[in-house]
Amino acid sequence: MGNFLPLPIKLVDGKSMLVSSVCEAEKALLGQWPNKGAAVYRDASRLIAAARDGSCSPAIAFAAFKAAAIDQRLLQPSGKSSALGMLDDVTRDLQS
């Protein structure tokens, strides 16, 4: 189980994956990206490696990975979780 909310990623080769940890982000960075020379990709790679060796906060590295995925249009829309649906139902009753 990951430390972060899962990010649905779809790589250039069509491979889909859910990324919710620094280890999974590292694996996703090894896949096919549109532009591995882009600054956001290189920053994400550097920060993920730094998080693995303990010299960077995992939260910062994961945020850099998310920014790179957004920048390269790999982040897929995610549906609403069932837990959020239940919370909506509860709060709807409270608002009435």
PDB file of N, CA and C in Angstrom:
ATOM      1  N   MET A   1       0.841  -1.178   0.000  1.00  0.00           N
ATOM      2  CA  MET A   1       0.000   0.000   0.000  1.00  0.00           C
ATOM      3  C   MET A   1       0.883   1.238   0.000  1.00  0.00           C
ATOM      4  N   GLY A   2       0.479   2.243  -0.746  1.00  0.00           N
ATOM      5  CA  GLY A   2       1.275   3.451  -0.870  1.00  0.00           C
ATOM      6  C   GLY A   2       1.025   4.440   0.248  1.00  0.00           C
ATOM      7  N   ASN A   3       1.864   5.451   0.250  1.00  0.00           N
ATOM      8  CA  ASN A   3       1.769   6.491   1.258  1.00  0.00           C
ATOM      9  C   ASN A   3       0.919   7.666   0.809  1.00  0.00           C
ATOM     10  N   PHE A   4       0.593   7.735  -0.470  1.00  0.00           N
ATOM     11  CA  PHE A   4      -0.114   8.867  -1.043  1.00  0.00           C
ATOM     12  C   PHE A   4      -1.389   8.398  -1.725  1.00  0.00           C
ATOM     13  N   LEU A   5      -2.279   9.345  -1.991  1.00  0.00           N
ATOM     14  CA  LEU A   5      -3.471   8.994  -2.756  1.00  0.00           C
ATOM     15  C   LEU A   5      -3.028   8.521  -4.130  1.00  0.00           C
ATOM     16  N   PRO A   6      -3.607   7.437  -4.629  1.00  0.00           N
ATOM     17  CA  PRO A   6      -3.157   6.875  -5.908  1.00  0.00           C
ATOM     18  C   PRO A   6      -3.419   7.806  -7.093  1.00  0.00           C
ATOM     19  N   LEU A   7      -2.417   7.889  -7.956  1.00  0.00           N
ATOM     20  CA  LEU A   7      -2.526   8.657  -9.191  1.00  0.00           C
ATOM     21  C   LEU A   7      -2.659   7.678 -10.348  1.00  0.00           C
ATOM     22  N   PRO A   8      -3.751   7.747 -11.096  1.00  0.00           N
ATOM     23  CA  PRO A   8      -3.862   6.885 -12.277  1.00  0.00           C
ATOM     24  C   PRO A   8      -3.049   7.474 -13.429  1.00  0.00           C
ATOM     25  N   ILE A   9      -2.070   6.728 -13.896  1.00  0.00           N
ATOM     26  CA  ILE A   9      -1.153   7.178 -14.941  1.00  0.00           C
ATOM     27  C   ILE A   9      -1.322   6.276 -16.162  1.00  0.00           C
ATOM     28  N   LYS A  10      -1.309   6.879 -17.335  1.00  0.00           N
ATOM     29  CA  LYS A  10      -1.317   6.098 -18.579  1.00  0.00           C
ATOM     30  C   LYS A  10      -0.107   6.529 -19.387  1.00  0.00           C
ATOM     31  N   LEU A  11       0.852   5.609 -19.546  1.00  0.00           N
ATOM     32  CA  LEU A  11       2.090   5.892 -20.250  1.00  0.00           C
ATOM     33  C   LEU A  11       1.862   5.914 -21.760  1.00  0.00           C
ATOM     34  N   VAL A  12       2.856   6.379 -22.500  1.00  0.00           N
ATOM     35  CA  VAL A  12       2.756   6.521 -23.947  1.00  0.00           C
ATOM     36  C   VAL A  12       2.446   5.198 -24.633  1.00  0.00           C
ATOM     37  N   ASP A  13       2.999   4.101 -24.115  1.00  0.00           N
ATOM     38  CA  ASP A  13       2.772   2.785 -24.729  1.00  0.00           C
ATOM     39  C   ASP A  13       1.397   2.196 -24.392  1.00  0.00           C
ATOM     40  N   GLY A  14       0.572   2.958 -23.668  1.00  0.00           N
ATOM     41  CA  GLY A  14      -0.769   2.520 -23.313  1.00  0.00           C
ATOM     42  C   GLY A  14      -0.854   1.797 -21.985  1.00  0.00           C
ATOM     43  N   LYS A  15       0.287   1.547 -21.341  1.00  0.00           N
ATOM     44  CA  LYS A  15       0.300   0.868 -20.050  1.00  0.00           C
ATOM     45  C   LYS A  15      -0.273   1.795 -18.983  1.00  0.00           C
ATOM     46  N   SER A  16      -1.243   1.294 -18.230  1.00  0.00           N
ATOM     47  CA  SER A  16      -1.845   2.064 -17.139  1.00  0.00           C
ATOM     48  C   SER A  16      -1.337   1.539 -15.811  1.00  0.00           C
ATOM     49  N   MET A  17      -1.195   2.445 -14.864  1.00  0.00           N
ATOM     50  CA  MET A  17      -0.788   2.039 -13.529  1.00  0.00           C
ATOM     51  C   MET A  17      -1.287   3.040 -12.500  1.00  0.00           C
ATOM     52  N   LEU A  18      -1.450   2.563 -11.274  1.00  0.00           N
ATOM     53  CA  LEU A  18      -1.771   3.428 -10.153  1.00  0.00           C
ATOM     54  C   LEU A  18      -0.487   3.646  -9.379  1.00  0.00           C
ATOM     55  N   VAL A  19      -0.152   4.894  -9.157  1.00  0.00           N
ATOM     56  CA  VAL A  19       1.087   5.235  -8.471  1.00  0.00           C
ATOM     57  C   VAL A  19       0.732   5.876  -7.134  1.00  0.00           C
ATOM     58  N   SER A  20       1.164   5.252  -6.029  1.00  0.00           N
ATOM     59  CA  SER A  20       0.836   5.783  -4.707  1.00  0.00           C
ATOM     60  C   SER A  20       2.020   5.750  -3.745  1.00  0.00           C
ATOM     61  N   SER A  21       3.218   5.551  -4.287  1.00  0.00           N
ATOM     62  CA  SER A  21       4.410   5.539  -3.440  1.00  0.00           C
ATOM     63  C   SER A  21       5.614   6.012  -4.251  1.00  0.00           C
ATOM     64  N   VAL A  22       6.680   6.308  -3.565  1.00  0.00           N
ATOM     65  CA  VAL A  22       7.913   6.719  -4.228  1.00  0.00           C
ATOM     66  C   VAL A  22       8.449   5.575  -5.089  1.00  0.00           C
ATOM     67  N   CYS A  23       8.368   4.343  -4.588  1.00  0.00           N
ATOM     68  CA  CYS A  23       8.844   3.179  -5.360  1.00  0.00           C
ATOM     69  C   CYS A  23       8.049   3.014  -6.655  1.00  0.00           C
ATOM     70  N   GLU A  24       6.726   3.160  -6.566  1.00  0.00           N
ATOM     71  CA  GLU A  24       5.896   3.046  -7.757  1.00  0.00           C
ATOM     72  C   GLU A  24       6.159   4.198  -8.724  1.00  0.00           C
ATOM     73  N   ALA A  25       6.415   5.391  -8.193  1.00  0.00           N
ATOM     74  CA  ALA A  25       6.739   6.538  -9.044  1.00  0.00           C
ATOM     75  C   ALA A  25       8.045   6.291  -9.788  1.00  0.00           C
ATOM     76  N   GLU A  26       8.997   5.691  -9.100  1.00  0.00           N
ATOM     77  CA  GLU A  26      10.276   5.374  -9.730  1.00  0.00           C
ATOM     78  C   GLU A  26      10.073   4.389 -10.890  1.00  0.00           C
ATOM     79  N   LYS A  27       9.233   3.384 -10.676  1.00  0.00           N
ATOM     80  CA  LYS A  27       8.932   2.421 -11.745  1.00  0.00           C
ATOM     81  C   LYS A  27       8.223   3.100 -12.910  1.00  0.00           C
ATOM     82  N   ALA A  28       7.295   3.992 -12.605  1.00  0.00           N
ATOM     83  CA  ALA A  28       6.561   4.698 -13.658  1.00  0.00           C
ATOM     84  C   ALA A  28       7.499   5.589 -14.470  1.00  0.00           C
ATOM     85  N   LEU A  29       8.473   6.193 -13.816  1.00  0.00           N
ATOM     86  CA  LEU A  29       9.431   7.052 -14.526  1.00  0.00           C
ATOM     87  C   LEU A  29      10.296   6.251 -15.498  1.00  0.00           C
ATOM     88  N   LEU A  30      10.428   4.968 -15.268  1.00  0.00           N
ATOM     89  CA  LEU A  30      11.205   4.122 -16.176  1.00  0.00           C
ATOM     90  C   LEU A  30      10.415   3.735 -17.425  1.00  0.00           C
ATOM     91  N   GLY A  31       9.102   3.954 -17.394  1.00  0.00           N
ATOM     92  CA  GLY A  31       8.247   3.628 -18.535  1.00  0.00           C
ATOM     93  C   GLY A  31       8.399   4.663 -19.646  1.00  0.00           C
ATOM     94  N   GLN A  32       7.517   4.573 -20.636  1.00  0.00           N
ATOM     95  CA  GLN A  32       7.574   5.476 -21.789  1.00  0.00           C
ATOM     96  C   GLN A  32       6.832   6.776 -21.493  1.00  0.00           C
ATOM     97  N   TRP A  33       7.591   7.865 -21.516  1.00  0.00           N
ATOM     98  CA  TRP A  33       7.055   9.210 -21.320  1.00  0.00           C
ATOM     99  C   TRP A  33       7.215   9.984 -22.623  1.00  0.00           C
ATOM    100  N   PRO A  34       6.373  10.986 -22.855  1.00  0.00           N
ATOM    101  CA  PRO A  34       6.490  11.761 -24.092  1.00  0.00           C
ATOM    102  C   PRO A  34       7.843  12.456 -24.253  1.00  0.00           C
ATOM    103  N   ASN A  35       8.375  13.011 -23.143  1.00  0.00           N
ATOM    104  CA  ASN A  35       9.619  13.768 -23.244  1.00  0.00           C
ATOM    105  C   ASN A  35      10.435  13.598 -21.965  1.00  0.00           C
ATOM    106  N   LYS A  36      11.347  12.635 -21.986  1.00  0.00           N
ATOM    107  CA  LYS A  36      12.189  12.398 -20.815  1.00  0.00           C
ATOM    108  C   LYS A  36      13.275  13.459 -20.650  1.00  0.00           C
ATOM    109  N   GLY A  37      13.411  14.323 -21.639  1.00  0.00           N
ATOM    110  CA  GLY A  37      14.378  15.412 -21.536  1.00  0.00           C
ATOM    111  C   GLY A  37      13.792  16.681 -20.942  1.00  0.00           C
ATOM    112  N   ALA A  38      12.469  16.703 -20.716  1.00  0.00           N
ATOM    113  CA  ALA A  38      11.813  17.894 -20.166  1.00  0.00           C
ATOM    114  C   ALA A  38      12.285  18.144 -18.734  1.00  0.00           C
ATOM    115  N   ALA A  39      12.343  19.410 -18.377  1.00  0.00           N
ATOM    116  CA  ALA A  39      12.822  19.799 -17.044  1.00  0.00           C
ATOM    117  C   ALA A  39      11.974  19.176 -15.941  1.00  0.00           C
ATOM    118  N   VAL A  40      10.656  19.137 -16.095  1.00  0.00           N
ATOM    119  CA  VAL A  40       9.804  18.576 -15.039  1.00  0.00           C
ATOM    120  C   VAL A  40      10.059  17.079 -14.854  1.00  0.00           C
ATOM    121  N   TYR A  41      10.313  16.373 -15.952  1.00  0.00           N
ATOM    122  CA  TYR A  41      10.623  14.949 -15.851  1.00  0.00           C
ATOM    123  C   TYR A  41      11.967  14.750 -15.143  1.00  0.00           C
ATOM    124  N   ARG A  42      12.967  15.509 -15.550  1.00  0.00           N
ATOM    125  CA  ARG A  42      14.294  15.378 -14.933  1.00  0.00           C
ATOM    126  C   ARG A  42      14.243  15.734 -13.449  1.00  0.00           C
ATOM    127  N   ASP A  43      13.483  16.786 -13.099  1.00  0.00           N
ATOM    128  CA  ASP A  43      13.341  17.161 -11.686  1.00  0.00           C
ATOM    129  C   ASP A  43      12.672  16.045 -10.891  1.00  0.00           C
ATOM    130  N   ALA A  44      11.605  15.483 -11.458  1.00  0.00           N
ATOM    131  CA  ALA A  44      10.910  14.396 -10.770  1.00  0.00           C
ATOM    132  C   ALA A  44      11.842  13.198 -10.574  1.00  0.00           C
ATOM    133  N   SER A  45      12.588  12.839 -11.593  1.00  0.00           N
ATOM    134  CA  SER A  45      13.526  11.710 -11.490  1.00  0.00           C
ATOM    135  C   SER A  45      14.572  11.961 -10.406  1.00  0.00           C
ATOM    136  N   ARG A  46      15.115  13.163 -10.404  1.00  0.00           N
ATOM    137  CA  ARG A  46      16.138  13.515  -9.415  1.00  0.00           C
ATOM    138  C   ARG A  46      15.569  13.477  -7.998  1.00  0.00           C
ATOM    139  N   LEU A  47      14.374  14.043  -7.804  1.00  0.00           N
ATOM    140  CA  LEU A  47      13.782  14.097  -6.467  1.00  0.00           C
ATOM    141  C   LEU A  47      13.307  12.731  -5.988  1.00  0.00           C
ATOM    142  N   ILE A  48      12.807  11.904  -6.884  1.00  0.00           N
ATOM    143  CA  ILE A  48      12.410  10.542  -6.502  1.00  0.00           C
ATOM    144  C   ILE A  48      13.650   9.758  -6.054  1.00  0.00           C
ATOM    145  N   ALA A  49      14.750   9.897  -6.786  1.00  0.00           N
ATOM    146  CA  ALA A  49      15.996   9.224  -6.390  1.00  0.00           C
ATOM    147  C   ALA A  49      16.483   9.756  -5.040  1.00  0.00           C
ATOM    148  N   ALA A  50      16.367  11.053  -4.827  1.00  0.00           N
ATOM    149  CA  ALA A  50      16.793  11.653  -3.560  1.00  0.00           C
ATOM    150  C   ALA A  50      15.900  11.171  -2.411  1.00  0.00           C
ATOM    151  N   ALA A  51      14.625  11.001  -2.669  1.00  0.00           N
ATOM    152  CA  ALA A  51      13.719  10.492  -1.628  1.00  0.00           C
ATOM    153  C   ALA A  51      14.069   9.049  -1.273  1.00  0.00           C
ATOM    154  N   ARG A  52      14.458   8.277  -2.277  1.00  0.00           N
ATOM    155  CA  ARG A  52      14.840   6.880  -2.019  1.00  0.00           C
ATOM    156  C   ARG A  52      16.070   6.789  -1.123  1.00  0.00           C
ATOM    157  N   ASP A  53      17.020   7.730  -1.295  1.00  0.00           N
ATOM    158  CA  ASP A  53      18.224   7.670  -0.453  1.00  0.00           C
ATOM    159  C   ASP A  53      18.098   8.495   0.826  1.00  0.00           C
ATOM    160  N   GLY A  54      16.928   9.116   1.042  1.00  0.00           N
ATOM    161  CA  GLY A  54      16.672   9.811   2.296  1.00  0.00           C
ATOM    162  C   GLY A  54      17.065  11.268   2.332  1.00  0.00           C
ATOM    163  N   SER A  55      17.525  11.825   1.227  1.00  0.00           N
ATOM    164  CA  SER A  55      17.950  13.224   1.239  1.00  0.00           C
ATOM    165  C   SER A  55      16.860  14.186   0.762  1.00  0.00           C
ATOM    166  N   CYS A  56      15.664  13.682   0.523  1.00  0.00           N
ATOM    167  CA  CYS A  56      14.543  14.513   0.092  1.00  0.00           C
ATOM    168  C   CYS A  56      13.272  13.967   0.723  1.00  0.00           C
ATOM    169  N   SER A  57      12.370  14.850   1.044  1.00  0.00           N
ATOM    170  CA  SER A  57      11.086  14.442   1.584  1.00  0.00           C
ATOM    171  C   SER A  57      10.298  13.651   0.531  1.00  0.00           C
ATOM    172  N   PRO A  58       9.747  12.508   0.887  1.00  0.00           N
ATOM    173  CA  PRO A  58       8.934  11.756  -0.066  1.00  0.00           C
ATOM    174  C   PRO A  58       7.748  12.570  -0.600  1.00  0.00           C
ATOM    175  N   ALA A  59       7.167  13.419   0.243  1.00  0.00           N
ATOM    176  CA  ALA A  59       6.031  14.242  -0.195  1.00  0.00           C
ATOM    177  C   ALA A  59       6.438  15.208  -1.301  1.00  0.00           C
ATOM    178  N   ILE A  60       7.620  15.803  -1.173  1.00  0.00           N
ATOM    179  CA  ILE A  60       8.116  16.725  -2.203  1.00  0.00           C
ATOM    180  C   ILE A  60       8.399  15.966  -3.492  1.00  0.00           C
ATOM    181  N   ALA A  61       9.034  14.817  -3.369  1.00  0.00           N
ATOM    182  CA  ALA A  61       9.347  14.007  -4.550  1.00  0.00           C
ATOM    183  C   ALA A  61       8.075  13.540  -5.249  1.00  0.00           C
ATOM    184  N   PHE A  62       7.078  13.117  -4.475  1.00  0.00           N
ATOM    185  CA  PHE A  62       5.834  12.647  -5.074  1.00  0.00           C
ATOM    186  C   PHE A  62       5.096  13.799  -5.749  1.00  0.00           C
ATOM    187  N   ALA A  63       5.144  14.983  -5.151  1.00  0.00           N
ATOM    188  CA  ALA A  63       4.524  16.167  -5.765  1.00  0.00           C
ATOM    189  C   ALA A  63       5.208  16.497  -7.091  1.00  0.00           C
ATOM    190  N   ALA A  64       6.523  16.342  -7.150  1.00  0.00           N
ATOM    191  CA  ALA A  64       7.259  16.588  -8.396  1.00  0.00           C
ATOM    192  C   ALA A  64       6.871  15.559  -9.454  1.00  0.00           C
ATOM    193  N   PHE A  65       6.683  14.306  -9.029  1.00  0.00           N
ATOM    194  CA  PHE A  65       6.235  13.275  -9.960  1.00  0.00           C
ATOM    195  C   PHE A  65       4.849  13.614 -10.508  1.00  0.00           C
ATOM    196  N   LYS A  66       3.949  14.016  -9.621  1.00  0.00           N
ATOM    197  CA  LYS A  66       2.597  14.380 -10.053  1.00  0.00           C
ATOM    198  C   LYS A  66       2.639  15.552 -11.034  1.00  0.00           C
ATOM    199  N   ALA A  67       3.474  16.557 -10.742  1.00  0.00           N
ATOM    200  CA  ALA A  67       3.599  17.709 -11.641  1.00  0.00           C
ATOM    201  C   ALA A  67       4.105  17.273 -13.016  1.00  0.00           C
ATOM    202  N   ALA A  68       5.046  16.355 -13.044  1.00  0.00           N
ATOM    203  CA  ALA A  68       5.578  15.865 -14.319  1.00  0.00           C
ATOM    204  C   ALA A  68       4.503  15.098 -15.090  1.00  0.00           C
ATOM    205  N   ALA A  69       3.734  14.285 -14.383  1.00  0.00           N
ATOM    206  CA  ALA A  69       2.662  13.525 -15.042  1.00  0.00           C
ATOM    207  C   ALA A  69       1.588  14.448 -15.599  1.00  0.00           C
ATOM    208  N   ILE A  70       1.266  15.495 -14.864  1.00  0.00           N
ATOM    209  CA  ILE A  70       0.295  16.473 -15.353  1.00  0.00           C
ATOM    210  C   ILE A  70       0.856  17.211 -16.555  1.00  0.00           C
ATOM    211  N   ASP A  71       2.098  17.661 -16.444  1.00  0.00           N
ATOM    212  CA  ASP A  71       2.732  18.422 -17.523  1.00  0.00           C
ATOM    213  C   ASP A  71       2.782  17.624 -18.829  1.00  0.00           C
ATOM    214  N   GLN A  72       3.025  16.326 -18.716  1.00  0.00           N
ATOM    215  CA  GLN A  72       3.143  15.496 -19.916  1.00  0.00           C
ATOM    216  C   GLN A  72       1.839  14.771 -20.249  1.00  0.00           C
ATOM    217  N   ARG A  73       0.775  15.179 -19.598  1.00  0.00           N
ATOM    218  CA  ARG A  73      -0.580  14.695 -19.874  1.00  0.00           C
ATOM    219  C   ARG A  73      -0.731  13.180 -19.713  1.00  0.00           C
ATOM    220  N   LEU A  74      -0.080  12.660 -18.688  1.00  0.00           N
ATOM    221  CA  LEU A  74      -0.179  11.235 -18.396  1.00  0.00           C
ATOM    222  C   LEU A  74      -1.157  10.938 -17.260  1.00  0.00           C
ATOM    223  N   LEU A  75      -1.461  11.949 -16.458  1.00  0.00           N
ATOM    224  CA  LEU A  75      -2.369  11.762 -15.332  1.00  0.00           C
ATOM    225  C   LEU A  75      -3.792  11.630 -15.868  1.00  0.00           C
ATOM    226  N   GLN A  76      -4.431  10.537 -15.498  1.00  0.00           N
ATOM    227  CA  GLN A  76      -5.786  10.252 -15.967  1.00  0.00           C
ATOM    228  C   GLN A  76      -6.804  10.716 -14.932  1.00  0.00           C
ATOM    229  N   PRO A  77      -7.989  11.103 -15.387  1.00  0.00           N
ATOM    230  CA  PRO A  77      -9.023  11.483 -14.414  1.00  0.00           C
ATOM    231  C   PRO A  77      -9.418  10.264 -13.582  1.00  0.00           C
ATOM    232  N   SER A  78      -9.675  10.491 -12.325  1.00  0.00           N
ATOM    233  CA  SER A  78     -10.089   9.382 -11.467  1.00  0.00           C
ATOM    234  C   SER A  78     -11.529   9.601 -11.047  1.00  0.00           C
ATOM    235  N   GLY A  79     -12.230   8.520 -10.913  1.00  0.00           N
ATOM    236  CA  GLY A  79     -13.622   8.594 -10.481  1.00  0.00           C
ATOM    237  C   GLY A  79     -13.707   8.866  -8.990  1.00  0.00           C
ATOM    238  N   LYS A  80     -14.874   9.233  -8.560  1.00  0.00           N
ATOM    239  CA  LYS A  80     -15.112   9.496  -7.150  1.00  0.00           C
ATOM    240  C   LYS A  80     -15.085   8.172  -6.393  1.00  0.00           C
ATOM    241  N   SER A  81     -14.425   8.132  -5.271  1.00  0.00           N
ATOM    242  CA  SER A  81     -14.350   6.891  -4.493  1.00  0.00           C
ATOM    243  C   SER A  81     -15.694   6.605  -3.827  1.00  0.00           C
ATOM    244  N   SER A  82     -15.913   5.354  -3.508  1.00  0.00           N
ATOM    245  CA  SER A  82     -17.172   4.983  -2.852  1.00  0.00           C
ATOM    246  C   SER A  82     -17.281   5.623  -1.468  1.00  0.00           C
ATOM    247  N   ALA A  83     -16.154   5.820  -0.808  1.00  0.00           N
ATOM    248  CA  ALA A  83     -16.170   6.461   0.509  1.00  0.00           C
ATOM    249  C   ALA A  83     -16.660   7.904   0.399  1.00  0.00           C
ATOM    250  N   LEU A  84     -16.243   8.600  -0.652  1.00  0.00           N
ATOM    251  CA  LEU A  84     -16.721   9.969  -0.840  1.00  0.00           C
ATOM    252  C   LEU A  84     -18.216   9.985  -1.141  1.00  0.00           C
ATOM    253  N   GLY A  85     -18.696   8.999  -1.869  1.00  0.00           N
ATOM    254  CA  GLY A  85     -20.124   8.896  -2.135  1.00  0.00           C
ATOM    255  C   GLY A  85     -20.917   8.711  -0.855  1.00  0.00           C
ATOM    256  N   MET A  86     -20.399   7.860   0.046  1.00  0.00           N
ATOM    257  CA  MET A  86     -21.079   7.657   1.326  1.00  0.00           C
ATOM    258  C   MET A  86     -21.060   8.931   2.157  1.00  0.00           C
ATOM    259  N   LEU A  87     -19.942   9.644   2.146  1.00  0.00           N
ATOM    260  CA  LEU A  87     -19.842  10.901   2.884  1.00  0.00           C
ATOM    261  C   LEU A  87     -20.832  11.924   2.330  1.00  0.00           C
ATOM    262  N   ASP A  88     -20.960  11.987   1.011  1.00  0.00           N
ATOM    263  CA  ASP A  88     -21.941  12.883   0.399  1.00  0.00           C
ATOM    264  C   ASP A  88     -23.352  12.547   0.863  1.00  0.00           C
ATOM    265  N   ASP A  89     -23.679  11.244   0.931  1.00  0.00           N
ATOM    266  CA  ASP A  89     -25.009  10.830   1.383  1.00  0.00           C
ATOM    267  C   ASP A  89     -25.261  11.257   2.812  1.00  0.00           C
ATOM    268  N   VAL A  90     -24.268  11.113   3.681  1.00  0.00           N
ATOM    269  CA  VAL A  90     -24.416  11.480   5.091  1.00  0.00           C
ATOM    270  C   VAL A  90     -24.594  12.985   5.230  1.00  0.00           C
ATOM    271  N   THR A  91     -23.780  13.742   4.544  1.00  0.00           N
ATOM    272  CA  THR A  91     -23.875  15.204   4.674  1.00  0.00           C
ATOM    273  C   THR A  91     -25.147  15.739   4.032  1.00  0.00           C
ATOM    274  N   ARG A  92     -25.648  15.077   3.012  1.00  0.00           N
ATOM    275  CA  ARG A  92     -26.911  15.496   2.399  1.00  0.00           C
ATOM    276  C   ARG A  92     -28.036  15.402   3.424  1.00  0.00           C
ATOM    277  N   ASP A  93     -28.046  14.324   4.228  1.00  0.00           N
ATOM    278  CA  ASP A  93     -29.052  14.157   5.269  1.00  0.00           C
ATOM    279  C   ASP A  93     -28.917  15.233   6.338  1.00  0.00           C
ATOM    280  N   LEU A  94     -27.688  15.626   6.643  1.00  0.00           N
ATOM    281  CA  LEU A  94     -27.465  16.637   7.672  1.00  0.00           C
ATOM    282  C   LEU A  94     -27.882  18.023   7.209  1.00  0.00           C
ATOM    283  N   GLN A  95     -27.801  18.279   5.925  1.00  0.00           N
ATOM    284  CA  GLN A  95     -28.137  19.594   5.386  1.00  0.00           C
ATOM    285  C   GLN A  95     -29.643  19.789   5.272  1.00  0.00           C
ATOM    286  N   SER A  96     -30.405  18.711   5.285  1.00  0.00           N
ATOM    287  CA  SER A  96     -31.867  18.816   5.120  1.00  0.00           C
ATOM    288  C   SER A  96     -32.540  19.288   6.358  1.00  0.00           C
TER     289      SER A  96
END
